[in-house]
Amino acid sequence: MANRFLRLHAQRDASAASLLRAYEKEQRATKNWNLYLYSLSQQHTALHKYYPKGALP
């Protein structure tokens, strides 16, 4: 009985750890994507600062 109990807990902990890893991976991807979008918007703003509207090369 104790072995079965320990095995169930080990399985539960392993699945929790894999869920946590997947969540952290997704968080990193989201962070990278947000940083990319932010830098893109900064570039866009900089372009409009140096080139008036309609005067882009």
C-alpha atoms as a PDB file:
ATOM      1  CA  MET A   1       0.000   0.000   0.000  1.00  0.00           C
ATOM      2  CA  ALA A   2       2.802   2.393   0.905  1.00  0.00           C
ATOM      3  CA  ASN A   3       4.600   1.664  -2.377  1.00  0.00           C
ATOM      4  CA  ARG A   4       1.467   2.420  -4.376  1.00  0.00           C
ATOM      5  CA  PHE A   5       1.001   5.649  -2.430  1.00  0.00           C
ATOM      6  CA  LEU A   6       4.615   6.704  -3.055  1.00  0.00           C
ATOM      7  CA  ARG A   7       4.390   5.787  -6.742  1.00  0.00           C
ATOM      8  CA  LEU A   8       1.225   7.871  -7.184  1.00  0.00           C
ATOM      9  CA  HIS A   9       2.894  10.827  -5.507  1.00  0.00           C
ATOM     10  CA  ALA A  10       6.002  10.456  -7.661  1.00  0.00           C
ATOM     11  CA  GLN A  11       3.837  10.433 -10.795  1.00  0.00           C
ATOM     12  CA  ARG A  12       1.921  13.477  -9.580  1.00  0.00           C
ATOM     13  CA  ASP A  13       5.143  15.364  -8.817  1.00  0.00           C
ATOM     14  CA  ALA A  14       6.614  14.454 -12.207  1.00  0.00           C
ATOM     15  CA  SER A  15       3.533  15.671 -14.057  1.00  0.00           C
ATOM     16  CA  ALA A  16       3.492  18.868 -11.982  1.00  0.00           C
ATOM     17  CA  ALA A  17       7.158  19.447 -12.823  1.00  0.00           C
ATOM     18  CA  SER A  18       6.546  18.921 -16.539  1.00  0.00           C
ATOM     19  CA  LEU A  19       3.570  21.298 -16.412  1.00  0.00           C
ATOM     20  CA  LEU A  20       5.746  23.870 -14.677  1.00  0.00           C
ATOM     21  CA  ARG A  21       8.478  23.454 -17.307  1.00  0.00           C
ATOM     22  CA  ALA A  22       5.943  23.929 -20.112  1.00  0.00           C
ATOM     23  CA  TYR A  23       4.543  27.004 -18.379  1.00  0.00           C
ATOM     24  CA  GLU A  24       8.012  28.527 -17.920  1.00  0.00           C
ATOM     25  CA  LYS A  25       8.869  27.832 -21.553  1.00  0.00           C
ATOM     26  CA  GLU A  26       5.681  29.569 -22.651  1.00  0.00           C
ATOM     27  CA  GLN A  27       6.432  32.521 -20.365  1.00  0.00           C
ATOM     28  CA  ARG A  28       9.917  32.890 -21.897  1.00  0.00           C
ATOM     29  CA  ALA A  29       8.465  32.772 -25.405  1.00  0.00           C
ATOM     30  CA  THR A  30       5.871  35.400 -24.483  1.00  0.00           C
ATOM     31  CA  LYS A  31       8.548  37.613 -22.943  1.00  0.00           C
ATOM     32  CA  ASN A  32      10.746  37.317 -26.047  1.00  0.00           C
ATOM     33  CA  TRP A  33       7.780  38.081 -28.312  1.00  0.00           C
ATOM     34  CA  ASN A  34       6.829  41.126 -26.221  1.00  0.00           C
ATOM     35  CA  LEU A  35      10.413  42.405 -26.318  1.00  0.00           C
ATOM     36  CA  TYR A  36      10.448  41.940 -30.099  1.00  0.00           C
ATOM     37  CA  LEU A  37       7.164  43.821 -30.538  1.00  0.00           C
ATOM     38  CA  TYR A  38       8.379  46.592 -28.225  1.00  0.00           C
ATOM     39  CA  SER A  39      11.610  47.043 -30.193  1.00  0.00           C
ATOM     40  CA  LEU A  40       9.618  47.047 -33.427  1.00  0.00           C
ATOM     41  CA  SER A  41       7.358  49.813 -32.121  1.00  0.00           C
ATOM     42  CA  GLN A  42      10.418  51.770 -30.941  1.00  0.00           C
ATOM     43  CA  GLN A  43      11.913  51.539 -34.442  1.00  0.00           C
ATOM     44  CA  HIS A  44       8.604  52.632 -35.920  1.00  0.00           C
ATOM     45  CA  THR A  45       8.448  55.640 -33.583  1.00  0.00           C
ATOM     46  CA  ALA A  46      12.054  56.546 -34.386  1.00  0.00           C
ATOM     47  CA  LEU A  47      11.333  56.446 -38.116  1.00  0.00           C
ATOM     48  CA  HIS A  48       8.415  58.827 -37.697  1.00  0.00           C
ATOM     49  CA  LYS A  49      10.561  61.114 -35.596  1.00  0.00           C
ATOM     50  CA  TYR A  50      13.186  61.430 -38.351  1.00  0.00           C
ATOM     51  CA  TYR A  51      10.866  61.312 -41.348  1.00  0.00           C
ATOM     52  CA  PRO A  52       7.676  63.390 -41.370  1.00  0.00           C
ATOM     53  CA  LYS A  53       4.464  61.650 -42.384  1.00  0.00           C
ATOM     54  CA  GLY A  54       4.476  60.656 -46.052  1.00  0.00           C
ATOM     55  CA  ALA A  55       8.198  61.358 -46.470  1.00  0.00           C
ATOM     56  CA  LEU A  56       9.522  57.856 -45.823  1.00  0.00           C
ATOM     57  CA  PRO A  57      12.126  56.790 -48.381  1.00  0.00           C
END
